[in-house]
Amino acid sequence: MLRATIQAEVFTFKPLLYEYVAGDISDADVSPSFKQLLARSGVNFVQAGATEVELEEDSAVSGGAVLLENDVKVPFDWLVLSCGAESKIPSQFEGKVMTFNTLGDAIQTKKKL
């Protein structure tokens, strides 16, 4: 069984943010929950922080387990680690510019327009 571990509860499909601002689609279309998105995929969604990664000694390519902060051990065949991204606004531009990365950003933009 495939598992996914992620911090956010929703997936934001960024190319659709402009359509949300234009009023063509709803926020649920842009940012469905991971449980909704993965409902029929065979993926078991797990939301918890990882504390340790154990690699199988007999395999140089794949396999092992991730120990989660709730002491659950999740086995894997392949593990993908992704750091994510965050918008940082330099202090001299605080309050003068807006980011456009999240549904929250799109909601703020829509209110301003």
Protein backbone atom coordinates (compact mmCIF):
# COMPACT_ATOMS: atom_id res chain seq x y z
CA MET A 1 0.00 0.00 0.00
CA LEU A 2 1.24 3.48 -0.87
CA ARG A 3 1.21 6.15 1.83
CA ALA A 4 1.64 9.90 1.72
CA THR A 5 2.79 12.07 4.62
CA ILE A 6 2.39 15.82 4.33
CA GLN A 7 1.95 18.87 6.59
CA ALA A 8 -0.94 20.62 4.83
CA GLU A 9 -4.47 19.24 4.85
CA VAL A 10 -5.20 20.50 1.34
CA PHE A 11 -3.49 20.40 -2.03
CA THR A 12 -3.39 23.72 -3.86
CA PHE A 13 -3.28 23.47 -7.64
CA LYS A 14 -1.50 26.76 -8.26
CA PRO A 15 -2.23 27.08 -12.01
CA LEU A 16 -5.95 27.42 -11.12
CA LEU A 17 -5.53 30.25 -8.59
CA TYR A 18 -6.12 32.90 -11.26
CA GLU A 19 -9.39 31.17 -12.27
CA TYR A 20 -10.52 31.27 -8.63
CA VAL A 21 -9.78 35.02 -8.47
CA ALA A 22 -11.71 35.51 -11.73
CA GLY A 23 -14.70 33.73 -10.18
CA ASP A 24 -14.73 30.85 -12.65
CA ILE A 25 -14.22 28.05 -10.09
CA SER A 26 -14.69 27.43 -6.37
CA ASP A 27 -12.06 27.15 -3.67
CA ALA A 28 -12.79 23.39 -3.46
CA ASP A 29 -11.75 23.08 -7.12
CA VAL A 30 -8.42 24.80 -6.46
CA SER A 31 -7.66 23.34 -3.05
CA PRO A 32 -9.27 19.94 -2.39
CA SER A 33 -8.35 18.09 0.78
CA PHE A 34 -5.78 15.33 0.33
CA LYS A 35 -8.34 12.81 1.59
CA GLN A 36 -10.75 13.88 -1.20
CA LEU A 37 -8.02 14.00 -3.80
CA LEU A 38 -6.66 10.54 -2.94
CA ALA A 39 -10.00 8.84 -2.14
CA ARG A 40 -9.97 6.42 -5.10
CA SER A 41 -6.22 6.21 -5.67
CA GLY A 42 -5.23 3.39 -3.32
CA VAL A 43 -3.06 5.83 -1.35
CA ASN A 44 -3.41 5.74 2.42
CA PHE A 45 -3.07 9.39 3.53
CA VAL A 46 -1.04 9.84 6.74
CA GLN A 47 -0.50 13.27 8.27
CA ALA A 48 2.31 13.26 10.83
CA GLY A 49 5.89 14.41 11.18
CA ALA A 50 8.75 11.99 10.53
CA THR A 51 11.33 11.45 13.25
CA GLU A 52 13.53 8.78 11.65
CA VAL A 53 14.13 6.99 8.36
CA GLU A 54 15.34 3.39 8.43
CA LEU A 55 16.83 1.98 5.22
CA GLU A 56 16.95 -1.73 4.47
CA GLU A 57 20.54 -2.91 4.67
CA ASP A 58 20.24 -5.49 1.90
CA SER A 59 18.98 -3.00 -0.68
CA ALA A 60 21.11 -0.19 -2.10
CA VAL A 61 18.21 1.15 -4.15
CA SER A 62 14.95 1.08 -2.20
CA GLY A 63 13.04 -0.06 0.85
CA GLY A 64 12.82 0.79 4.51
CA ALA A 65 10.50 2.47 6.96
CA VAL A 66 9.73 5.93 8.30
CA LEU A 67 9.08 6.33 12.02
CA LEU A 68 6.45 9.00 12.63
CA GLU A 69 6.17 11.32 15.63
CA ASN A 70 3.16 9.30 16.85
CA ASP A 71 5.41 6.16 17.01
CA VAL A 72 3.80 4.60 13.94
CA LYS A 73 6.26 2.91 11.58
CA VAL A 74 5.38 3.24 7.88
CA PRO A 75 7.16 0.82 5.52
CA PHE A 76 8.07 2.00 2.02
CA ASP A 77 9.46 0.65 -1.22
CA TRP A 78 10.47 4.12 -2.44
CA LEU A 79 10.71 7.30 -0.39
CA VAL A 80 10.51 10.82 -1.78
CA LEU A 81 11.52 13.70 0.49
CA SER A 82 10.35 17.15 -0.54
CA CYS A 83 11.12 20.34 1.35
CA GLY A 84 8.36 22.49 -0.09
CA ALA A 85 8.56 26.24 -0.56
CA GLU A 86 7.56 29.40 1.20
CA SER A 87 7.31 32.98 -0.07
CA LYS A 88 9.58 35.42 1.76
CA ILE A 89 9.03 39.14 1.36
CA PRO A 90 12.04 41.36 2.10
CA SER A 91 11.33 43.73 5.00
CA GLN A 92 11.49 46.85 2.80
CA PHE A 93 8.51 45.52 0.81
CA GLU A 94 6.34 44.39 3.75
CA GLY A 95 2.81 45.73 3.33
CA LYS A 96 3.52 46.89 -0.24
CA VAL A 97 3.37 43.58 -2.14
CA MET A 98 1.24 40.46 -2.03
CA THR A 99 2.20 36.84 -2.58
CA PHE A 100 0.19 34.57 -4.88
CA ASN A 101 1.09 31.04 -3.81
CA THR A 102 -1.81 29.75 -1.73
CA LEU A 103 -5.59 29.77 -1.71
CA GLY A 104 -5.34 32.31 1.13
CA ASP A 105 -3.26 34.56 -1.14
CA ALA A 106 -5.87 34.21 -3.91
CA ILE A 107 -8.68 35.04 -1.47
CA GLN A 108 -6.82 38.21 -0.40
CA THR A 109 -6.22 39.16 -4.04
CA LYS A 110 -9.90 38.62 -4.87
CA LYS A 111 -10.93 40.86 -1.95
CA LYS A 112 -8.53 43.61 -3.08
CA LEU A 113 -9.82 43.48 -6.66
